[in-house]
């Protein structure tokens, strides 16, 4: 799930006013319990989106390796530089 998808999902949740009206009939819960569960659902949706988002490396975080200089004798008997 991308952060954009998470925002779309969260935007479709019921508002507190809608939840107050529909909590008992739709979920069989009182308003406070339904509100608490809705809050937990929002947090879990956001956590899933953040967990799947990969950090984009920038120039400061990319570690540049120095080229390795090999010394030795090659097949022709000449040294490598």
C-alpha atoms as a PDB file:
ATOM      1  CA  UNK A   1       0.000   0.000   0.000  1.00  0.00           C
ATOM      2  CA  UNK A   2       1.387   3.366  -0.958  1.00  0.00           C
ATOM      3  CA  UNK A   3       0.899   6.506   1.131  1.00  0.00           C
ATOM      4  CA  UNK A   4      -1.442   7.832  -1.559  1.00  0.00           C
ATOM      5  CA  UNK A   5      -3.611   4.712  -1.292  1.00  0.00           C
ATOM      6  CA  UNK A   6      -3.631   5.020   2.496  1.00  0.00           C
ATOM      7  CA  UNK A   7      -4.833   8.611   2.300  1.00  0.00           C
ATOM      8  CA  UNK A   8      -7.674   7.566  -0.015  1.00  0.00           C
ATOM      9  CA  UNK A   9      -8.696   4.775   2.379  1.00  0.00           C
ATOM     10  CA  UNK A  10      -8.562   7.039   5.427  1.00  0.00           C
ATOM     11  CA  UNK A  11     -10.534   9.750   3.620  1.00  0.00           C
ATOM     12  CA  UNK A  12     -13.406   7.291   3.140  1.00  0.00           C
ATOM     13  CA  UNK A  13     -13.766   6.522   6.857  1.00  0.00           C
ATOM     14  CA  UNK A  14     -16.841   7.874   8.583  1.00  0.00           C
ATOM     15  CA  UNK A  15     -16.649  11.269  10.230  1.00  0.00           C
ATOM     16  CA  UNK A  16     -17.113  11.402  14.014  1.00  0.00           C
ATOM     17  CA  UNK A  17     -20.659  12.737  13.493  1.00  0.00           C
ATOM     18  CA  UNK A  18     -21.541   9.870  11.138  1.00  0.00           C
ATOM     19  CA  UNK A  19     -19.990   7.397  13.544  1.00  0.00           C
ATOM     20  CA  UNK A  20     -22.023   8.832  16.414  1.00  0.00           C
ATOM     21  CA  UNK A  21     -25.246   8.289  14.427  1.00  0.00           C
ATOM     22  CA  UNK A  22     -24.380   4.847  12.991  1.00  0.00           C
ATOM     23  CA  UNK A  23     -22.187   3.149  15.615  1.00  0.00           C
ATOM     24  CA  UNK A  24     -24.960   1.240  17.353  1.00  0.00           C
ATOM     25  CA  UNK A  25     -26.930   0.245  14.251  1.00  0.00           C
ATOM     26  CA  UNK A  26     -23.967  -0.645  11.993  1.00  0.00           C
ATOM     27  CA  UNK A  27     -21.463  -2.068  14.465  1.00  0.00           C
ATOM     28  CA  UNK A  28     -23.408  -2.808  17.641  1.00  0.00           C
ATOM     29  CA  UNK A  29     -21.025  -0.597  19.611  1.00  0.00           C
ATOM     30  CA  UNK A  30     -21.456   2.568  21.589  1.00  0.00           C
ATOM     31  CA  UNK A  31     -19.900   5.726  20.169  1.00  0.00           C
ATOM     32  CA  UNK A  32     -16.767   5.713  22.335  1.00  0.00           C
ATOM     33  CA  UNK A  33     -15.853   2.133  21.419  1.00  0.00           C
ATOM     34  CA  UNK A  34     -16.496   2.747  17.727  1.00  0.00           C
ATOM     35  CA  UNK A  35     -14.415   5.933  17.809  1.00  0.00           C
ATOM     36  CA  UNK A  36     -11.538   4.118  19.520  1.00  0.00           C
ATOM     37  CA  UNK A  37     -11.621   1.322  16.943  1.00  0.00           C
ATOM     38  CA  UNK A  38     -11.758   3.830  14.082  1.00  0.00           C
ATOM     39  CA  UNK A  39      -8.707   5.598  15.513  1.00  0.00           C
ATOM     40  CA  UNK A  40      -6.827   2.296  15.721  1.00  0.00           C
ATOM     41  CA  UNK A  41      -7.796   1.491  12.114  1.00  0.00           C
ATOM     42  CA  UNK A  42      -6.478   4.854  10.938  1.00  0.00           C
ATOM     43  CA  UNK A  43      -3.171   4.303  12.757  1.00  0.00           C
ATOM     44  CA  UNK A  44      -2.775   0.786  11.350  1.00  0.00           C
ATOM     45  CA  UNK A  45      -3.515   1.950   7.803  1.00  0.00           C
ATOM     46  CA  UNK A  46      -0.928   4.718   8.107  1.00  0.00           C
ATOM     47  CA  UNK A  47       1.663   2.359   9.613  1.00  0.00           C
ATOM     48  CA  UNK A  48       1.197  -0.132   6.774  1.00  0.00           C
ATOM     49  CA  UNK A  49       1.736   2.605   4.204  1.00  0.00           C
ATOM     50  CA  UNK A  50       4.856   3.946   5.914  1.00  0.00           C
ATOM     51  CA  UNK A  51       6.292   0.464   6.398  1.00  0.00           C
ATOM     52  CA  UNK A  52       6.090  -0.271   2.681  1.00  0.00           C
ATOM     53  CA  UNK A  53       7.505   3.056   1.537  1.00  0.00           C
ATOM     54  CA  UNK A  54      11.150   2.759   0.578  1.00  0.00           C
ATOM     55  CA  UNK A  55      13.574   5.531   1.333  1.00  0.00           C
ATOM     56  CA  UNK A  56      14.976   7.204  -1.738  1.00  0.00           C
ATOM     57  CA  UNK A  57      18.751   7.484  -1.481  1.00  0.00           C
ATOM     58  CA  UNK A  58      20.284  10.874  -2.071  1.00  0.00           C
ATOM     59  CA  UNK A  59      23.847  11.903  -2.798  1.00  0.00           C
ATOM     60  CA  UNK A  60      24.719  12.228   0.885  1.00  0.00           C
ATOM     61  CA  UNK A  61      23.546   8.714   1.777  1.00  0.00           C
ATOM     62  CA  UNK A  62      25.181   6.901  -1.130  1.00  0.00           C
ATOM     63  CA  UNK A  63      28.598   5.688  -0.090  1.00  0.00           C
ATOM     64  CA  UNK A  64      31.156   5.930  -2.841  1.00  0.00           C
ATOM     65  CA  UNK A  65      33.832   3.278  -2.840  1.00  0.00           C
ATOM     66  CA  UNK A  66      37.357   4.062  -3.856  1.00  0.00           C
ATOM     67  CA  UNK A  67      38.612   2.013  -6.773  1.00  0.00           C
ATOM     68  CA  UNK A  68      40.745  -0.884  -5.619  1.00  0.00           C
ATOM     69  CA  UNK A  69      44.289  -0.870  -6.893  1.00  0.00           C
ATOM     70  CA  UNK A  70      45.557  -4.377  -7.467  1.00  0.00           C
ATOM     71  CA  UNK A  71      49.215  -5.145  -7.386  1.00  0.00           C
ATOM     72  CA  UNK A  72      50.598  -8.404  -8.614  1.00  0.00           C
ATOM     73  CA  UNK A  73      51.954 -10.205 -11.600  1.00  0.00           C
ATOM     74  CA  UNK A  74      49.688 -10.785 -14.551  1.00  0.00           C
ATOM     75  CA  UNK A  75      49.794 -13.574 -17.090  1.00  0.00           C
ATOM     76  CA  UNK A  76      52.520 -11.826 -19.072  1.00  0.00           C
ATOM     77  CA  UNK A  77      54.704 -11.263 -16.061  1.00  0.00           C
ATOM     78  CA  UNK A  78      54.026  -7.518 -15.922  1.00  0.00           C
ATOM     79  CA  UNK A  79      52.661  -5.858 -12.811  1.00  0.00           C
ATOM     80  CA  UNK A  80      49.166  -4.398 -12.593  1.00  0.00           C
ATOM     81  CA  UNK A  81      48.679  -0.851 -11.440  1.00  0.00           C
END
